[in-house]
Amino acid sequence: MNSERFGIIRKSVLTNSGKTDCNISVLDGILNILPAGLTRILQLTLSNLVDAYKKNELLLNTKIALYMLSSILVDRAEPSEL
């Protein structure tokens, strides 16, 4: 779901069906967010390069996260950093 306050959120329910109390810790997140502009074909054909060059940043004191590539995707042995 989307939330104006929190961005992308997941709603879930956890039920203890046992007879004793228990303590739990939950760590949740979204995996494999792709940078804008990446096509499905590009992800399917160059997924190792996409994974190698994916970069993300959180802008301090904001609710903005940046998802980008740190290099142009080329399958050659030469540097192409942005």
C-alpha atoms as a PDB file:
ATOM      1  CA  MET A   1       0.000   0.000   0.000  1.00  0.00           C
ATOM      2  CA  ASN A   2       1.022   3.625  -0.245  1.00  0.00           C
ATOM      3  CA  SER A   3       1.012   6.096   2.600  1.00  0.00           C
ATOM      4  CA  GLU A   4       1.526   9.841   2.301  1.00  0.00           C
ATOM      5  CA  ARG A   5       3.324   9.819   5.640  1.00  0.00           C
ATOM      6  CA  PHE A   6       5.481   6.665   5.253  1.00  0.00           C
ATOM      7  CA  GLY A   7       5.669   5.964   1.497  1.00  0.00           C
ATOM      8  CA  ILE A   8       5.442   2.287   0.578  1.00  0.00           C
ATOM      9  CA  ILE A   9       4.038   0.237   3.450  1.00  0.00           C
ATOM     10  CA  ARG A  10       2.969  -3.333   4.016  1.00  0.00           C
ATOM     11  CA  LYS A  11       0.045  -4.274   6.202  1.00  0.00           C
ATOM     12  CA  SER A  12       0.262  -7.659   7.893  1.00  0.00           C
ATOM     13  CA  VAL A  13      -1.173  -9.509  10.849  1.00  0.00           C
ATOM     14  CA  LEU A  14       0.788 -11.731  13.209  1.00  0.00           C
ATOM     15  CA  THR A  15      -1.179 -14.172  15.329  1.00  0.00           C
ATOM     16  CA  ASN A  16       0.171 -16.266  18.176  1.00  0.00           C
ATOM     17  CA  SER A  17      -1.841 -19.470  17.961  1.00  0.00           C
ATOM     18  CA  GLY A  18       0.156 -21.113  20.755  1.00  0.00           C
ATOM     19  CA  LYS A  19      -0.673 -21.228  24.438  1.00  0.00           C
ATOM     20  CA  THR A  20       2.389 -19.339  25.664  1.00  0.00           C
ATOM     21  CA  ASP A  21       3.531 -15.766  25.167  1.00  0.00           C
ATOM     22  CA  CYS A  22       6.496 -15.198  22.906  1.00  0.00           C
ATOM     23  CA  ASN A  23       8.827 -12.347  22.029  1.00  0.00           C
ATOM     24  CA  ILE A  24       9.531 -11.581  18.405  1.00  0.00           C
ATOM     25  CA  SER A  25      11.573  -9.159  16.347  1.00  0.00           C
ATOM     26  CA  VAL A  26      10.504  -8.192  12.842  1.00  0.00           C
ATOM     27  CA  LEU A  27      12.761  -6.805  10.162  1.00  0.00           C
ATOM     28  CA  ASP A  28      10.949  -5.990   6.957  1.00  0.00           C
ATOM     29  CA  GLY A  29      11.898  -4.277   3.743  1.00  0.00           C
ATOM     30  CA  ILE A  30      11.654  -4.232  -0.002  1.00  0.00           C
ATOM     31  CA  LEU A  31      14.269  -6.144  -1.976  1.00  0.00           C
ATOM     32  CA  ASN A  32      15.648  -5.441  -5.427  1.00  0.00           C
ATOM     33  CA  ILE A  33      14.262  -1.970  -6.132  1.00  0.00           C
ATOM     34  CA  LEU A  34      15.373  -1.099  -9.636  1.00  0.00           C
ATOM     35  CA  PRO A  35      16.480   2.350 -10.791  1.00  0.00           C
ATOM     36  CA  ALA A  36      14.064   4.272 -13.004  1.00  0.00           C
ATOM     37  CA  GLY A  37      14.341   3.600 -16.709  1.00  0.00           C
ATOM     38  CA  LEU A  38      15.501  -0.001 -16.449  1.00  0.00           C
ATOM     39  CA  THR A  39      13.426  -2.129 -18.774  1.00  0.00           C
ATOM     40  CA  ARG A  40      12.406  -5.700 -18.112  1.00  0.00           C
ATOM     41  CA  ILE A  41      14.520  -6.855 -21.070  1.00  0.00           C
ATOM     42  CA  LEU A  42      17.581  -5.023 -19.736  1.00  0.00           C
ATOM     43  CA  GLN A  43      17.098  -6.615 -16.310  1.00  0.00           C
ATOM     44  CA  LEU A  44      16.709 -10.060 -17.878  1.00  0.00           C
ATOM     45  CA  THR A  45      19.730  -9.786 -20.191  1.00  0.00           C
ATOM     46  CA  LEU A  46      22.197  -7.835 -18.020  1.00  0.00           C
ATOM     47  CA  SER A  47      21.011  -8.602 -14.489  1.00  0.00           C
ATOM     48  CA  ASN A  48      24.529  -9.239 -13.153  1.00  0.00           C
ATOM     49  CA  LEU A  49      25.697  -5.831 -14.381  1.00  0.00           C
ATOM     50  CA  VAL A  50      22.546  -4.170 -13.054  1.00  0.00           C
ATOM     51  CA  ASP A  51      23.153  -5.741  -9.639  1.00  0.00           C
ATOM     52  CA  ALA A  52      26.830  -4.746  -9.713  1.00  0.00           C
ATOM     53  CA  TYR A  53      26.128  -1.090 -10.518  1.00  0.00           C
ATOM     54  CA  LYS A  54      22.966  -0.482  -8.466  1.00  0.00           C
ATOM     55  CA  LYS A  55      23.446   2.273  -5.919  1.00  0.00           C
ATOM     56  CA  ASN A  56      21.087   3.818  -3.382  1.00  0.00           C
ATOM     57  CA  GLU A  57      21.254   6.782  -1.049  1.00  0.00           C
ATOM     58  CA  LEU A  58      19.018   8.258   1.614  1.00  0.00           C
ATOM     59  CA  LEU A  59      19.047  12.041   1.682  1.00  0.00           C
ATOM     60  CA  LEU A  60      19.571  13.043   5.292  1.00  0.00           C
ATOM     61  CA  ASN A  61      16.772  14.959   7.028  1.00  0.00           C
ATOM     62  CA  THR A  62      14.344  14.039   4.240  1.00  0.00           C
ATOM     63  CA  LYS A  63      12.146  11.126   3.305  1.00  0.00           C
ATOM     64  CA  ILE A  64      13.791  10.846  -0.104  1.00  0.00           C
ATOM     65  CA  ALA A  65      15.640   7.734  -1.252  1.00  0.00           C
ATOM     66  CA  LEU A  66      17.588   7.692  -4.511  1.00  0.00           C
ATOM     67  CA  TYR A  67      17.969   4.511  -6.565  1.00  0.00           C
ATOM     68  CA  MET A  68      20.427   4.804  -9.451  1.00  0.00           C
ATOM     69  CA  LEU A  69      23.167   3.127 -11.424  1.00  0.00           C
ATOM     70  CA  SER A  70      26.759   4.108 -10.687  1.00  0.00           C
ATOM     71  CA  SER A  71      27.902   3.305 -14.225  1.00  0.00           C
ATOM     72  CA  ILE A  72      26.622   2.873 -17.757  1.00  0.00           C
ATOM     73  CA  LEU A  73      25.736  -0.755 -18.451  1.00  0.00           C
ATOM     74  CA  VAL A  74      28.248  -2.051 -20.973  1.00  0.00           C
ATOM     75  CA  ASP A  75      29.507  -5.591 -21.236  1.00  0.00           C
ATOM     76  CA  ARG A  76      33.082  -4.614 -22.179  1.00  0.00           C
ATOM     77  CA  ALA A  77      36.293  -4.530 -20.186  1.00  0.00           C
ATOM     78  CA  GLU A  78      36.564  -0.741 -20.067  1.00  0.00           C
ATOM     79  CA  PRO A  79      35.515   1.793 -17.411  1.00  0.00           C
ATOM     80  CA  SER A  80      32.267   3.728 -17.961  1.00  0.00           C
ATOM     81  CA  GLU A  81      31.646   5.364 -14.587  1.00  0.00           C
ATOM     82  CA  LEU A  82      29.289   8.313 -14.539  1.00  0.00           C
END
